[in-house]
N, C-alpha and C. Protein backbone atom coordinates (compact mmCIF):
# COMPACT_ATOMS: atom_id res chain seq x y z
N MET A 1 67.35 5.86 -22.60
CA MET A 1 66.72 6.26 -21.39
C MET A 1 66.90 5.12 -20.31
N SER A 2 67.23 5.59 -19.22
CA SER A 2 67.39 4.58 -18.11
C SER A 2 66.04 4.38 -17.42
N GLU A 3 65.98 3.24 -16.78
CA GLU A 3 64.69 2.84 -16.06
C GLU A 3 64.68 3.66 -14.77
N ILE A 4 63.43 3.95 -14.36
CA ILE A 4 63.21 4.65 -13.10
C ILE A 4 62.40 3.67 -12.25
N LYS A 5 62.85 3.41 -11.11
CA LYS A 5 62.09 2.57 -10.25
C LYS A 5 61.39 3.31 -9.16
N PHE A 6 59.93 3.07 -9.03
CA PHE A 6 59.25 3.80 -8.02
C PHE A 6 59.65 3.30 -6.70
N THR A 7 59.51 4.18 -5.74
CA THR A 7 59.81 3.79 -4.33
C THR A 7 58.68 2.92 -3.80
N GLU A 8 58.94 2.28 -2.77
CA GLU A 8 57.91 1.43 -2.03
C GLU A 8 56.75 2.28 -1.66
N GLU A 9 57.04 3.49 -1.19
CA GLU A 9 55.97 4.40 -0.76
C GLU A 9 55.08 4.76 -1.96
N GLU A 10 55.71 5.05 -3.06
CA GLU A 10 54.95 5.39 -4.37
C GLU A 10 54.07 4.18 -4.83
N LEU A 11 54.67 3.01 -4.81
CA LEU A 11 54.00 1.82 -5.18
C LEU A 11 52.81 1.53 -4.25
N LYS A 12 53.04 1.75 -3.04
CA LYS A 12 52.00 1.58 -2.02
C LYS A 12 50.82 2.53 -2.27
N SER A 13 51.16 3.84 -2.55
CA SER A 13 50.15 4.80 -2.84
C SER A 13 49.30 4.47 -4.10
N LEU A 14 50.01 3.99 -5.14
CA LEU A 14 49.34 3.59 -6.34
C LEU A 14 48.41 2.39 -6.07
N SER A 15 48.88 1.47 -5.32
CA SER A 15 48.06 0.27 -4.94
C SER A 15 46.90 0.67 -4.13
N GLU A 16 47.04 1.60 -3.21
CA GLU A 16 45.93 2.04 -2.40
C GLU A 16 44.88 2.77 -3.26
N LEU A 17 45.36 3.57 -4.24
CA LEU A 17 44.42 4.20 -5.08
C LEU A 17 43.65 3.23 -5.97
N SER A 18 44.33 2.27 -6.50
CA SER A 18 43.67 1.17 -7.21
C SER A 18 42.67 0.41 -6.46
N GLN A 19 43.02 0.09 -5.14
CA GLN A 19 42.08 -0.63 -4.27
C GLN A 19 40.90 0.23 -3.94
N LYS A 20 41.11 1.53 -3.76
CA LYS A 20 40.02 2.50 -3.42
C LYS A 20 39.02 2.49 -4.62
N TYR A 21 39.53 2.47 -5.86
CA TYR A 21 38.65 2.45 -7.06
C TYR A 21 37.84 1.18 -7.05
N GLN A 22 38.46 0.03 -6.77
CA GLN A 22 37.75 -1.20 -6.75
C GLN A 22 36.66 -1.24 -5.60
N ASP A 23 37.05 -0.73 -4.52
CA ASP A 23 36.03 -0.63 -3.40
C ASP A 23 34.85 0.25 -3.74
N ILE A 24 35.16 1.39 -4.38
CA ILE A 24 34.04 2.32 -4.80
C ILE A 24 33.17 1.63 -5.79
N GLN A 25 33.73 0.94 -6.78
CA GLN A 25 32.95 0.26 -7.78
C GLN A 25 32.07 -0.81 -7.18
N ILE A 26 32.63 -1.52 -6.30
CA ILE A 26 31.79 -2.55 -5.58
C ILE A 26 30.63 -1.93 -4.85
N LEU A 27 30.92 -0.84 -4.14
CA LEU A 27 29.90 -0.14 -3.40
C LEU A 27 28.83 0.44 -4.29
N MET A 28 29.31 1.03 -5.50
CA MET A 28 28.41 1.51 -6.46
C MET A 28 27.46 0.39 -7.02
N GLY A 29 28.00 -0.75 -7.19
CA GLY A 29 27.12 -1.87 -7.62
C GLY A 29 26.16 -2.28 -6.58
N GLN A 30 26.59 -2.28 -5.28
CA GLN A 30 25.67 -2.64 -4.17
C GLN A 30 24.55 -1.56 -4.05
N VAL A 31 24.95 -0.29 -4.26
CA VAL A 31 23.92 0.73 -4.22
C VAL A 31 22.94 0.62 -5.34
N SER A 32 23.38 0.24 -6.49
CA SER A 32 22.48 0.07 -7.65
C SER A 32 21.53 -1.12 -7.39
N VAL A 33 22.08 -2.20 -6.89
CA VAL A 33 21.22 -3.31 -6.58
C VAL A 33 20.19 -2.92 -5.47
N GLN A 34 20.62 -2.21 -4.45
CA GLN A 34 19.74 -1.83 -3.46
C GLN A 34 18.64 -0.93 -3.93
N LYS A 35 19.04 -0.03 -4.85
CA LYS A 35 18.05 0.91 -5.51
C LYS A 35 17.05 0.05 -6.28
N LEU A 36 17.47 -0.95 -6.99
CA LEU A 36 16.57 -1.85 -7.76
C LEU A 36 15.58 -2.52 -6.81
N VAL A 37 16.14 -3.06 -5.72
CA VAL A 37 15.28 -3.76 -4.78
C VAL A 37 14.24 -2.80 -4.19
N ASN A 38 14.64 -1.59 -3.84
CA ASN A 38 13.67 -0.59 -3.30
C ASN A 38 12.68 -0.24 -4.35
N THR A 39 13.08 -0.13 -5.55
CA THR A 39 12.12 0.19 -6.60
C THR A 39 11.11 -0.89 -6.71
N GLN A 40 11.51 -2.17 -6.69
CA GLN A 40 10.62 -3.30 -6.74
C GLN A 40 9.68 -3.30 -5.56
N ARG A 41 10.23 -2.98 -4.37
CA ARG A 41 9.38 -2.95 -3.18
C ARG A 41 8.30 -1.84 -3.30
N ALA A 42 8.69 -0.70 -3.80
CA ALA A 42 7.77 0.42 -3.99
C ALA A 42 6.70 0.04 -4.96
N GLU A 43 7.00 -0.66 -6.05
CA GLU A 43 6.05 -1.08 -7.02
C GLU A 43 5.06 -2.07 -6.38
N LYS A 44 5.55 -2.98 -5.53
CA LYS A 44 4.65 -3.93 -4.87
C LYS A 44 3.72 -3.21 -3.87
N ILE A 45 4.26 -2.22 -3.17
CA ILE A 45 3.44 -1.41 -2.31
C ILE A 45 2.36 -0.71 -3.04
N GLU A 46 2.71 -0.15 -4.22
CA GLU A 46 1.74 0.59 -5.09
C GLU A 46 0.68 -0.38 -5.56
N GLU A 47 1.07 -1.57 -6.00
CA GLU A 47 0.11 -2.61 -6.41
C GLU A 47 -0.81 -2.94 -5.29
N SER A 48 -0.24 -3.15 -4.08
CA SER A 48 -1.10 -3.46 -2.91
C SER A 48 -2.11 -2.38 -2.61
N GLU A 49 -1.60 -1.11 -2.68
CA GLU A 49 -2.52 0.01 -2.40
C GLU A 49 -3.62 0.04 -3.38
N ILE A 50 -3.35 -0.18 -4.64
CA ILE A 50 -4.35 -0.12 -5.70
C ILE A 50 -5.39 -1.27 -5.46
N GLN A 51 -4.88 -2.44 -5.09
CA GLN A 51 -5.75 -3.58 -4.87
C GLN A 51 -6.65 -3.31 -3.60
N LEU A 52 -6.13 -2.72 -2.64
CA LEU A 52 -6.85 -2.41 -1.38
C LEU A 52 -7.83 -1.32 -1.69
N GLN A 53 -7.56 -0.35 -2.50
CA GLN A 53 -8.56 0.63 -2.93
C GLN A 53 -9.75 -0.03 -3.66
N SER A 54 -9.36 -0.94 -4.51
CA SER A 54 -10.41 -1.71 -5.24
C SER A 54 -11.28 -2.48 -4.34
N ASP A 55 -10.67 -3.15 -3.36
CA ASP A 55 -11.37 -3.97 -2.37
C ASP A 55 -12.29 -3.08 -1.49
N TYR A 56 -11.81 -1.88 -1.17
CA TYR A 56 -12.59 -0.94 -0.38
C TYR A 56 -13.84 -0.56 -1.09
N VAL A 57 -13.71 -0.11 -2.41
CA VAL A 57 -14.83 0.27 -3.22
C VAL A 57 -15.84 -0.90 -3.38
N GLU A 58 -15.35 -2.13 -3.59
CA GLU A 58 -16.18 -3.32 -3.72
C GLU A 58 -16.89 -3.53 -2.38
N ASN A 59 -16.22 -3.40 -1.26
CA ASN A 59 -16.90 -3.57 0.00
C ASN A 59 -18.00 -2.49 0.29
N GLN A 60 -17.74 -1.29 -0.15
CA GLN A 60 -18.72 -0.26 -0.06
C GLN A 60 -20.02 -0.67 -0.82
N GLN A 61 -19.80 -1.14 -2.03
CA GLN A 61 -20.96 -1.56 -2.85
C GLN A 61 -21.67 -2.73 -2.19
N LYS A 62 -20.99 -3.68 -1.58
CA LYS A 62 -21.62 -4.74 -0.82
C LYS A 62 -22.45 -4.22 0.30
N GLU A 63 -21.88 -3.22 0.96
CA GLU A 63 -22.59 -2.64 2.13
C GLU A 63 -23.94 -1.98 1.64
N ARG A 64 -23.82 -1.17 0.53
CA ARG A 64 -25.04 -0.53 -0.04
C ARG A 64 -26.07 -1.61 -0.42
N ASP A 65 -25.67 -2.67 -1.04
CA ASP A 65 -26.55 -3.70 -1.48
C ASP A 65 -27.21 -4.35 -0.28
N LEU A 66 -26.43 -4.68 0.77
CA LEU A 66 -26.99 -5.24 1.97
C LEU A 66 -27.98 -4.35 2.67
N VAL A 67 -27.62 -3.10 2.79
CA VAL A 67 -28.51 -2.09 3.45
C VAL A 67 -29.82 -2.02 2.65
N LYS A 68 -29.74 -1.97 1.38
CA LYS A 68 -30.94 -1.93 0.51
C LYS A 68 -31.78 -3.13 0.73
N GLU A 69 -31.17 -4.29 0.69
CA GLU A 69 -31.88 -5.62 0.92
C GLU A 69 -32.54 -5.62 2.32
N LEU A 70 -31.85 -5.21 3.33
CA LEU A 70 -32.40 -5.24 4.72
C LEU A 70 -33.53 -4.17 4.81
N ASN A 71 -33.40 -3.00 4.18
CA ASN A 71 -34.38 -2.00 4.29
C ASN A 71 -35.67 -2.48 3.58
N GLU A 72 -35.51 -3.13 2.44
CA GLU A 72 -36.64 -3.75 1.70
C GLU A 72 -37.29 -4.81 2.55
N LYS A 73 -36.59 -5.56 3.27
CA LYS A 73 -37.11 -6.69 4.06
C LYS A 73 -37.76 -6.16 5.41
N TYR A 74 -37.03 -5.27 6.11
CA TYR A 74 -37.49 -4.85 7.44
C TYR A 74 -37.92 -3.40 7.56
N GLY A 75 -37.64 -2.62 6.49
CA GLY A 75 -38.00 -1.16 6.56
C GLY A 75 -36.85 -0.43 7.21
N ALA A 76 -37.03 0.91 7.35
CA ALA A 76 -36.05 1.77 7.93
C ALA A 76 -35.95 1.50 9.43
N GLY A 77 -34.86 1.70 10.00
CA GLY A 77 -34.66 1.54 11.50
C GLY A 77 -33.22 1.52 11.88
N GLN A 78 -33.01 1.05 13.10
CA GLN A 78 -31.61 1.00 13.61
C GLN A 78 -31.29 -0.42 13.99
N LEU A 79 -30.07 -0.87 13.74
CA LEU A 79 -29.59 -2.13 14.17
C LEU A 79 -28.47 -2.00 15.16
N ASP A 80 -28.62 -2.76 16.24
CA ASP A 80 -27.54 -2.81 17.25
C ASP A 80 -26.67 -3.99 16.86
N PRO A 81 -25.50 -3.77 16.22
CA PRO A 81 -24.67 -4.84 15.72
C PRO A 81 -24.18 -5.80 16.83
N LYS A 82 -24.09 -5.32 18.04
CA LYS A 82 -23.61 -6.16 19.16
C LYS A 82 -24.70 -7.15 19.60
N THR A 83 -25.94 -6.74 19.61
CA THR A 83 -26.95 -7.68 20.01
C THR A 83 -27.80 -8.29 18.88
N GLY A 84 -27.73 -7.66 17.68
CA GLY A 84 -28.47 -8.07 16.58
C GLY A 84 -29.95 -7.67 16.61
N VAL A 85 -30.24 -6.79 17.52
CA VAL A 85 -31.67 -6.28 17.71
C VAL A 85 -31.92 -5.09 16.75
N PHE A 86 -33.01 -5.22 15.94
CA PHE A 86 -33.41 -4.22 14.95
C PHE A 86 -34.60 -3.45 15.55
N THR A 87 -34.50 -2.14 15.54
CA THR A 87 -35.59 -1.29 16.05
C THR A 87 -36.14 -0.49 14.92
N PRO A 88 -37.36 -0.84 14.40
CA PRO A 88 -37.89 -0.08 13.23
C PRO A 88 -38.11 1.39 13.58
N SER A 89 -37.94 2.26 12.60
CA SER A 89 -38.26 3.64 12.77
C SER A 89 -39.73 3.84 12.83
N PRO A 90 -40.22 4.78 13.67
CA PRO A 90 -41.67 4.99 13.74
C PRO A 90 -42.11 5.56 12.40
N LYS A 91 -43.37 5.03 12.02
CA LYS A 91 -43.93 5.55 10.79
C LYS A 91 -44.58 6.90 11.01
N THR A 92 -44.52 7.68 10.00
CA THR A 92 -45.13 8.99 10.05
C THR A 92 -46.61 8.89 9.69
N GLU A 93 -47.39 9.87 10.02
CA GLU A 93 -48.84 9.83 9.65
C GLU A 93 -49.03 9.72 8.15
N THR A 94 -48.21 10.42 7.36
CA THR A 94 -48.28 10.40 5.96
C THR A 94 -48.10 8.99 5.46
N GLN A 95 -47.17 8.24 5.97
CA GLN A 95 -46.97 6.88 5.61
C GLN A 95 -48.14 5.99 5.95
N GLU A 96 -48.72 6.18 7.19
CA GLU A 96 -49.84 5.39 7.62
C GLU A 96 -51.07 5.68 6.80
N ILE A 97 -51.33 6.91 6.42
CA ILE A 97 -52.54 7.29 5.60
C ILE A 97 -52.30 6.68 4.26
N ALA A 98 -51.15 6.76 3.68
CA ALA A 98 -50.88 6.18 2.35
C ALA A 98 -51.11 4.65 2.34
N ALA A 99 -50.77 4.03 3.42
CA ALA A 99 -50.91 2.59 3.54
C ALA A 99 -52.43 2.17 3.73
N GLU A 100 -53.27 3.07 4.33
CA GLU A 100 -54.70 2.77 4.55
C GLU A 100 -55.48 2.98 3.22
N GLU A 101 -55.10 3.77 2.36
CA GLU A 101 -55.88 4.07 1.10
C GLU A 101 -55.88 2.97 0.19
């Protein structure tokens, strides 16, 4: 059998195909890494959301505790947070009678 030599055009086409495969593989690797990074970011966001939900529930409990403490100390009423002035709620007759007995 005699040797067959590819033309410059054919060699160029083969080289271009080979280069295209290499480029695609590099891009596939970059996409995989980017996907991993995005997954890690999503996990951190999820962790932050869970922590914030926990902080929110904890803050609600602190609010309930403070309201209870202030109601025990000052009774029911309204507080103007801007001025710090507390206005007690008017007592009903039933409460006044119970207090007199």
